[in-house]
Protein backbone atom coordinates (compact mmCIF):
# COMPACT_ATOMS: atom_id res chain seq x y z
CA MET A 1 0.00 0.00 0.00
CA GLN A 2 1.43 3.34 -1.03
CA LYS A 3 1.55 6.12 1.55
CA ILE A 4 0.77 9.76 0.82
CA LEU A 5 1.41 12.73 3.08
CA VAL A 6 -1.14 15.53 2.67
CA THR A 7 -0.52 18.85 4.40
CA GLY A 8 -3.58 20.99 5.01
CA SER A 9 -5.67 17.82 5.25
CA ALA A 10 -8.30 19.49 7.47
CA GLY A 11 -8.81 22.28 4.95
CA PHE A 12 -11.54 22.67 2.36
CA ILE A 13 -9.94 20.99 -0.67
CA GLY A 14 -7.67 18.90 1.56
CA GLY A 15 -10.69 17.22 3.10
CA TYR A 16 -12.09 16.20 -0.26
CA LEU A 17 -8.65 15.00 -1.36
CA ALA A 18 -7.99 12.85 1.72
CA GLU A 19 -11.34 11.14 1.21
CA GLU A 20 -10.61 10.52 -2.48
CA LEU A 21 -7.16 9.08 -1.80
CA LEU A 22 -8.48 6.75 0.89
CA SER A 23 -11.15 5.53 -1.54
CA ARG A 24 -8.36 4.69 -4.02
CA GLY A 25 -6.60 2.47 -1.49
CA TYR A 26 -3.80 4.74 -0.29
CA SER A 27 -2.56 5.06 3.25
CA VAL A 28 -2.91 8.77 4.04
CA VAL A 29 -1.06 10.80 6.66
CA GLY A 30 -2.69 14.18 7.16
CA VAL A 31 -0.93 17.17 8.71
CA ASP A 32 -2.80 20.24 9.93
CA ASN A 33 -2.39 22.80 12.69
CA PHE A 34 -6.11 23.73 12.63
CA SER A 35 -5.18 27.39 12.28
CA LYS A 36 -8.00 28.19 9.87
CA TYR A 37 -11.14 26.54 11.25
CA GLY A 38 -10.02 25.09 14.55
CA GLN A 39 -10.27 21.35 15.10
CA VAL A 40 -12.93 19.94 12.80
CA ARG A 41 -14.36 16.47 12.57
CA LYS A 42 -13.97 14.70 9.22
CA SER A 43 -15.86 11.64 8.02
CA TYR A 44 -12.63 9.72 7.47
CA ASP A 45 -10.97 10.47 10.83
CA ASP A 46 -11.49 6.89 12.00
CA HIS A 47 -10.54 5.26 8.69
CA PRO A 48 -7.99 2.49 9.38
CA ASN A 49 -5.66 3.85 6.67
CA TYR A 50 -5.75 7.47 7.86
CA ARG A 51 -3.48 9.06 10.43
CA LEU A 52 -3.85 12.69 11.47
CA VAL A 53 -0.86 14.55 12.83
CA GLU A 54 -1.53 17.89 14.50
CA GLY A 55 1.49 19.90 13.51
CA ASP A 56 2.82 22.86 11.59
CA ALA A 57 3.98 22.45 7.99
CA ARG A 58 6.63 25.09 8.70
CA ASP A 59 8.35 22.59 11.04
CA THR A 60 11.05 21.17 8.77
CA ASP A 61 12.09 18.48 11.25
CA LEU A 62 8.50 17.24 11.59
CA MET A 63 7.99 17.26 7.83
CA THR A 64 11.28 15.45 7.20
CA SER A 65 10.38 12.78 9.74
CA LEU A 66 6.89 12.23 8.31
CA LEU A 67 8.08 12.11 4.69
CA SER A 68 10.79 9.55 5.39
CA ASP A 69 8.49 6.61 4.65
CA CYS A 70 6.05 8.21 2.19
CA ASP A 71 5.78 7.51 -1.53
CA HIS A 72 4.04 10.76 -2.45
CA PHE A 73 3.61 14.20 -0.94
CA VAL A 74 0.78 16.67 -1.58
CA ALA A 75 2.00 20.11 -0.50
CA GLY A 76 -1.40 21.61 0.22
CA ALA A 77 -0.94 23.55 3.45
CA ALA A 78 -1.33 27.31 3.14
CA MET A 79 -2.74 30.30 4.91
CA ILE A 80 -5.75 30.98 2.72
CA GLY A 81 -9.10 32.71 2.91
CA GLY A 82 -11.64 34.59 0.89
CA ILE A 83 -11.00 37.91 -0.76
CA SER A 84 -11.16 39.82 2.54
CA TYR A 85 -8.09 37.80 3.61
CA PHE A 86 -6.07 39.37 0.79
CA HIS A 87 -6.50 42.76 2.42
CA ALA A 88 -6.52 41.90 6.12
CA TYR A 89 -3.45 39.64 5.99
CA ALA A 90 -1.47 40.88 2.98
CA TYR A 91 1.91 40.39 4.68
CA ASP A 92 1.07 37.25 6.64
CA LEU A 93 -0.16 35.48 3.51
CA LEU A 94 3.19 36.09 1.88
CA ALA A 95 5.46 35.41 4.86
CA THR A 96 3.63 32.40 6.31
CA ASN A 97 3.13 30.66 2.99
CA GLU A 98 6.76 31.21 1.96
CA ARG A 99 7.89 29.52 5.18
CA ILE A 100 5.48 26.63 4.58
CA ILE A 101 6.64 25.96 1.03
CA ALA A 102 10.34 26.30 1.92
CA ALA A 103 10.02 23.80 4.78
CA SER A 104 7.98 21.47 2.56
CA CYS A 105 10.57 21.51 -0.19
CA ASP A 106 13.49 21.10 2.23
CA ALA A 107 11.84 18.01 3.69
CA ALA A 108 10.86 16.62 0.29
CA ILE A 109 14.36 17.05 -1.12
CA ALA A 110 15.76 15.08 1.82
CA ALA A 111 13.12 12.34 1.50
CA HIS A 112 13.66 12.00 -2.24
CA ARG A 113 17.42 11.83 -1.76
CA ALA A 114 16.88 9.03 0.77
CA GLY A 115 15.21 7.00 -1.95
CA ARG A 116 11.48 6.50 -1.27
CA LEU A 117 9.63 9.72 -2.09
CA LYS A 118 8.64 9.61 -5.75
CA LYS A 119 7.07 13.01 -6.36
CA VAL A 120 5.61 16.16 -4.85
CA THR A 121 2.22 17.43 -6.03
CA TYR A 122 2.01 21.15 -5.34
CA MET A 123 -1.28 22.95 -4.78
CA SER A 124 -1.11 26.22 -6.66
CA SER A 125 -4.08 28.46 -7.45
CA SER A 126 -6.04 30.07 -10.24
CA MET A 127 -4.78 33.34 -8.71
CA VAL A 128 -1.49 32.95 -10.57
CA PHE A 129 -3.51 34.21 -13.56
CA GLU A 130 -4.75 37.25 -11.62
CA SER A 131 -3.19 39.73 -14.07
CA ALA A 132 -4.05 37.86 -17.25
CA GLU A 133 -5.35 40.00 -20.09
CA ALA A 134 -6.37 37.20 -22.47
CA TRP A 135 -8.54 34.14 -21.92
CA PRO A 136 -8.81 31.24 -21.52
CA SER A 137 -5.73 31.08 -19.31
CA TYR A 138 -3.55 28.19 -20.42
CA GLU A 139 -0.72 26.36 -18.71
CA GLY A 140 2.36 28.53 -19.28
CA GLN A 141 0.49 31.82 -19.45
CA GLU A 142 1.42 32.47 -15.80
CA ARG A 143 4.99 33.10 -17.04
CA GLU A 144 3.90 35.36 -19.87
CA CYS A 145 1.40 37.71 -18.22
CA PRO A 146 2.26 40.31 -15.52
CA PRO A 147 2.70 38.88 -12.01
CA PRO A 148 -0.30 38.79 -9.66
CA LEU A 149 -1.04 42.01 -7.77
CA SER A 150 -2.19 40.37 -4.53
CA SER A 151 0.41 38.95 -2.16
CA TYR A 152 -1.54 35.67 -2.11
CA GLY A 153 -1.48 35.31 -5.89
CA PHE A 154 2.18 36.29 -6.01
CA GLN A 155 3.07 33.70 -3.38
CA LYS A 156 1.17 30.95 -5.20
CA LEU A 157 3.19 31.79 -8.29
CA ALA A 158 6.27 31.47 -6.07
CA VAL A 159 5.12 27.95 -5.11
CA GLU A 160 5.40 27.01 -8.77
CA TYR A 161 8.90 28.47 -8.92
CA PHE A 162 9.85 26.44 -5.83
CA ALA A 163 8.60 23.30 -7.59
CA ARG A 164 10.59 23.95 -10.74
CA ALA A 165 13.71 25.11 -8.87
CA ALA A 166 13.73 22.00 -6.65
CA TYR A 167 13.60 19.91 -9.81
CA ASP A 168 16.26 21.94 -11.62
CA GLN A 169 18.76 21.68 -8.77
CA TYR A 170 17.82 18.49 -6.92
CA LYS A 171 15.82 16.57 -9.54
CA LEU A 172 12.83 16.40 -7.18
CA PRO A 173 9.94 15.31 -9.45
CA PHE A 174 6.80 17.45 -9.32
CA THR A 175 3.31 18.05 -10.58
CA ILE A 176 1.59 21.43 -10.19
CA VAL A 177 -2.21 21.60 -9.90
CA ARG A 178 -4.30 24.78 -10.00
CA PRO A 179 -7.83 24.37 -8.61
CA PHE A 180 -10.41 26.91 -9.74
CA ASN A 181 -13.14 28.20 -7.39
CA CYS A 182 -13.85 25.18 -5.22
CA VAL A 183 -17.50 24.70 -4.18
CA GLY A 184 -18.61 22.14 -1.63
CA ILE A 185 -19.57 21.44 1.95
CA GLY A 186 -17.54 21.42 5.13
CA GLU A 187 -16.23 24.98 5.04
CA SER A 188 -16.98 27.04 8.13
CA ARG A 189 -16.07 30.51 9.34
CA ALA A 190 -12.30 30.95 9.40
CA LEU A 191 -10.95 31.83 12.83
CA GLY A 192 -9.14 34.89 11.54
CA ASP A 193 -11.67 36.08 8.97
CA GLU A 194 -12.23 39.81 9.01
CA GLU A 195 -15.98 40.22 9.43
CA ILE A 196 -17.56 42.64 6.98
CA MET A 197 -21.11 43.71 6.39
CA SER A 198 -22.88 43.15 3.10
CA GLY A 199 -26.15 45.00 3.40
CA ASN A 200 -27.76 43.81 6.62
CA VAL A 201 -25.86 40.48 6.73
CA LYS A 202 -22.39 39.85 8.13
CA LEU A 203 -20.33 37.84 5.67
CA ALA A 204 -19.14 34.51 6.98
CA MET A 205 -16.41 33.33 4.67
CA SER A 206 -15.92 35.90 1.90
CA HIS A 207 -16.38 33.16 -0.70
CA VAL A 208 -19.12 34.03 -3.10
CA VAL A 209 -21.19 30.82 -3.11
CA PRO A 210 -21.62 30.32 0.67
CA ASP A 211 -21.97 34.05 1.25
CA LEU A 212 -24.73 34.47 -1.32
CA VAL A 213 -26.53 31.38 -0.03
CA GLN A 214 -26.46 32.52 3.59
CA LYS A 215 -27.64 36.02 2.66
CA VAL A 216 -30.66 34.62 0.81
CA LEU A 217 -31.37 32.16 3.66
CA LYS A 218 -31.25 35.03 6.15
CA GLY A 219 -33.84 36.92 4.13
CA GLN A 220 -31.76 39.65 2.53
CA ASP A 221 -33.88 41.39 -0.10
CA PRO A 222 -32.67 43.12 -2.20
CA LEU A 223 -29.63 40.89 -2.47
CA HIS A 224 -26.24 42.59 -2.18
CA ILE A 225 -23.50 41.51 -4.58
CA LEU A 226 -20.00 42.89 -5.03
CA GLY A 227 -19.47 44.86 -8.22
CA ASP A 228 -21.73 44.82 -11.24
CA GLY A 229 -22.15 41.04 -11.25
CA SER A 230 -20.39 40.50 -14.56
CA GLN A 231 -17.34 38.89 -12.94
CA VAL A 232 -16.73 35.48 -14.52
CA ARG A 233 -15.72 32.42 -12.51
CA HIS A 234 -15.56 28.66 -13.01
CA TYR A 235 -17.25 27.10 -9.97
CA THR A 236 -15.85 23.59 -9.56
CA TYR A 237 -17.05 20.88 -7.21
CA GLY A 238 -14.61 19.86 -4.48
CA GLY A 239 -15.09 16.19 -5.25
CA ASP A 240 -14.19 16.79 -8.90
CA LEU A 241 -11.08 18.73 -7.89
CA ALA A 242 -10.02 15.91 -5.56
CA ARG A 243 -10.43 13.41 -8.39
CA GLY A 244 -8.32 15.61 -10.68
CA ILE A 245 -5.57 16.01 -8.08
CA ALA A 246 -5.52 12.25 -7.47
CA ASP A 247 -5.32 11.64 -11.23
CA ALA A 248 -2.39 14.06 -11.40
CA ILE A 249 -0.63 12.20 -8.59
CA GLU A 250 -1.02 8.86 -10.35
CA HIS A 251 -0.67 9.56 -14.06
CA PRO A 252 2.85 8.90 -15.41
CA ASP A 253 2.50 11.66 -17.99
CA ALA A 254 1.82 14.22 -15.25
CA LEU A 255 5.47 14.09 -14.20
CA ASN A 256 6.99 17.60 -14.15
CA GLU A 257 3.83 19.09 -15.66
CA ASP A 258 1.24 21.63 -14.55
CA PHE A 259 -2.54 21.44 -14.85
CA ASN A 260 -5.53 23.73 -14.54
CA LEU A 261 -8.26 21.77 -12.75
CA SER A 262 -11.66 23.28 -13.37
CA THR A 263 -15.06 22.98 -14.86
CA ALA A 264 -15.21 24.25 -18.42
CA GLN A 265 -18.42 26.18 -17.62
CA SER A 266 -18.23 29.95 -17.17
CA THR A 267 -20.70 31.61 -14.78
CA THR A 268 -21.10 35.29 -13.93
CA VAL A 269 -21.71 36.34 -10.34
CA LEU A 270 -25.16 37.59 -11.35
CA GLU A 271 -25.97 34.23 -12.95
CA LEU A 272 -24.80 32.52 -9.78
CA ALA A 273 -26.92 34.81 -7.60
CA THR A 274 -29.95 34.12 -9.79
CA ALA A 275 -29.45 30.34 -9.58
CA ILE A 276 -29.12 30.48 -5.79
CA TRP A 277 -32.15 32.77 -5.44
CA GLN A 278 -34.34 30.51 -7.55
CA LYS A 279 -33.24 27.39 -5.64
CA ILE A 280 -34.29 29.00 -2.35
CA LYS A 281 -37.01 31.50 -3.28
CA GLY A 282 -38.55 29.90 -6.35
CA ASP A 283 -40.35 32.38 -8.59
CA ALA A 284 -40.05 35.34 -6.22
CA PRO A 285 -38.53 38.30 -8.09
CA LEU A 286 -34.82 38.90 -7.54
CA ARG A 287 -33.74 42.44 -6.72
CA VAL A 288 -30.04 43.24 -6.56
CA VAL A 289 -27.92 45.97 -4.97
CA HIS A 290 -24.41 46.45 -6.29
CA ASP A 291 -21.81 47.09 -3.58
CA GLU A 292 -18.30 48.42 -4.09
CA PRO A 293 -16.00 45.50 -5.05
CA PHE A 294 -12.72 44.61 -3.38
CA GLU A 295 -9.49 45.84 -4.99
CA TYR A 296 -8.42 42.33 -5.99
CA ASP A 297 -11.81 41.17 -7.28
CA VAL A 298 -10.54 39.80 -10.59
CA GLN A 299 -13.09 40.38 -13.34
CA ARG A 300 -12.38 37.26 -15.41
CA ARG A 301 -10.91 33.97 -14.25
CA VAL A 302 -11.37 31.59 -17.16
CA PRO A 303 -9.08 28.55 -17.53
CA SER A 304 -8.22 26.38 -20.43
CA THR A 305 -9.10 22.84 -19.40
CA ASP A 306 -7.74 21.13 -22.53
CA LYS A 307 -4.43 19.92 -21.09
CA ALA A 308 -5.96 18.13 -18.10
CA LYS A 309 -8.48 16.46 -20.39
CA ARG A 310 -5.87 15.49 -23.00
CA ILE A 311 -3.20 14.13 -20.64
CA LEU A 312 -5.07 13.08 -17.50
CA GLY A 313 -8.43 12.31 -19.05
CA PHE A 314 -9.89 14.61 -16.40
CA GLU A 315 -13.12 16.55 -16.72
CA ALA A 316 -15.07 18.24 -13.93
CA THR A 317 -18.57 16.92 -14.51
CA THR A 318 -20.67 18.19 -11.58
CA SER A 319 -23.09 20.92 -12.63
CA LEU A 320 -23.59 24.14 -10.70
CA SER A 321 -27.18 23.11 -10.05
CA ALA A 322 -26.05 19.83 -8.48
CA MET A 323 -23.46 21.65 -6.37
CA LEU A 324 -26.09 24.05 -5.05
CA ASP A 325 -28.43 21.16 -4.25
CA GLU A 326 -25.72 19.87 -1.90
CA VAL A 327 -24.41 23.16 -0.57
CA ILE A 328 -27.69 24.94 0.22
CA PRO A 329 -28.99 22.35 2.74
CA TRP A 330 -25.56 22.20 4.38
CA ILE A 331 -25.41 25.99 4.79
CA ARG A 332 -29.03 26.09 5.99
CA GLN A 333 -28.04 23.71 8.79
CA ALA A 334 -24.83 25.63 9.46
CA VAL A 335 -26.78 28.87 9.79
CA LYS A 336 -29.21 27.14 12.15
CA ASP A 337 -26.31 25.77 14.22
CA GLY A 338 -24.55 29.14 14.32
CA ILE A 339 -21.49 27.88 12.46
CA ILE A 340 -21.84 30.74 9.97
C-alpha cells in the first residue's frame, strides 16, 4: 500500500482529497495545525488507513520525519481565505506561505534523496492568472502575463517556482495543480476572517457561493453583490477537484507538468446569484444591490481545461445546479447551528 502525506488535510480541498485518496486504497497521513477553522471532525478520521498529525507544515524536522516513509507528498498547506483575507493579511499570507513551502521543499528534497519519495504534487491556485489580459488562461500563461497584484497570488506563483527550482537543482519530481473556485460542503467561518457587512448580513467566509446562499437564507432582499455582477468564474465541485488532483498524482504523464483543474463552464456572479435565489425563493422576483467590489476582485478567471483532459483524461462533470443542491442544505443547517 502506497503512503501519501497531505498537508492541510483538514482544509476545504484537503478534506475532499484525503477522502478521495483513501477511496483509491492509499494510506494517508494528514498534517494540519487547525489554524483556519479550529479542530474539525472529518468523516474519514477513523478510517484504518488514515493518520492525522496535528502539527505545523513550517516545522522542517517534523515534515522530514513524516516524509521519510512516504511515496508521495501533496503540498497543500497554506494560509488561505476569501477575498477579505487578501486585504486583512497581505503580509502574513506572503510570509507564512513562503515559510510553509520552503520547509515542505526542504523536507521533500531530503526524502527523495533518501530514496522513497517519488514526487511532490504542489497545490497552486487560479490566482497565478490574476493579471491575465487574455482568456482562456492556459498552462504557461502564468509566465507570460504580468505577475499577480495580490500577495496571495504572487506567493502561489512562487510555489510554482519552488517546484521547478527544486527539480532543476535536486531533480525532485513534481506536478503542479491549480484548482479553480472550489465549491462544496464542510467549510466554516475561518478563525481569523475579518468580518464585513454586506447589506444587513455579516459575511461569513468571503467566498461568493456560501456568502450568497447565507444572505438569501437570512432573508436579505434586495440581495447585495459585489461589483456589477459580470465577474466570470468557473465554480468547480470539491469532489471533482479531488479526483483531478488524485489523477495528477497517479498519471505517469503528469510528471513535471502543470494542470488547470476546473469545470469548463463559465458563470457570472449575477448568474450565480440568480441560480441560488431561484433554488431558495422559487419564482419570487430577484432584486439586486451592487456594492463596491474589493481591490483584488478579478473580473475574469477563465481557464483552459484542454491539457488536463488530454493528458489526464480529467473533466469536472458536476453541474452548478447539483453543487447548489448539496451546498444549500448544508449551509441552511450551518446557519441554524450558528457555524456561519
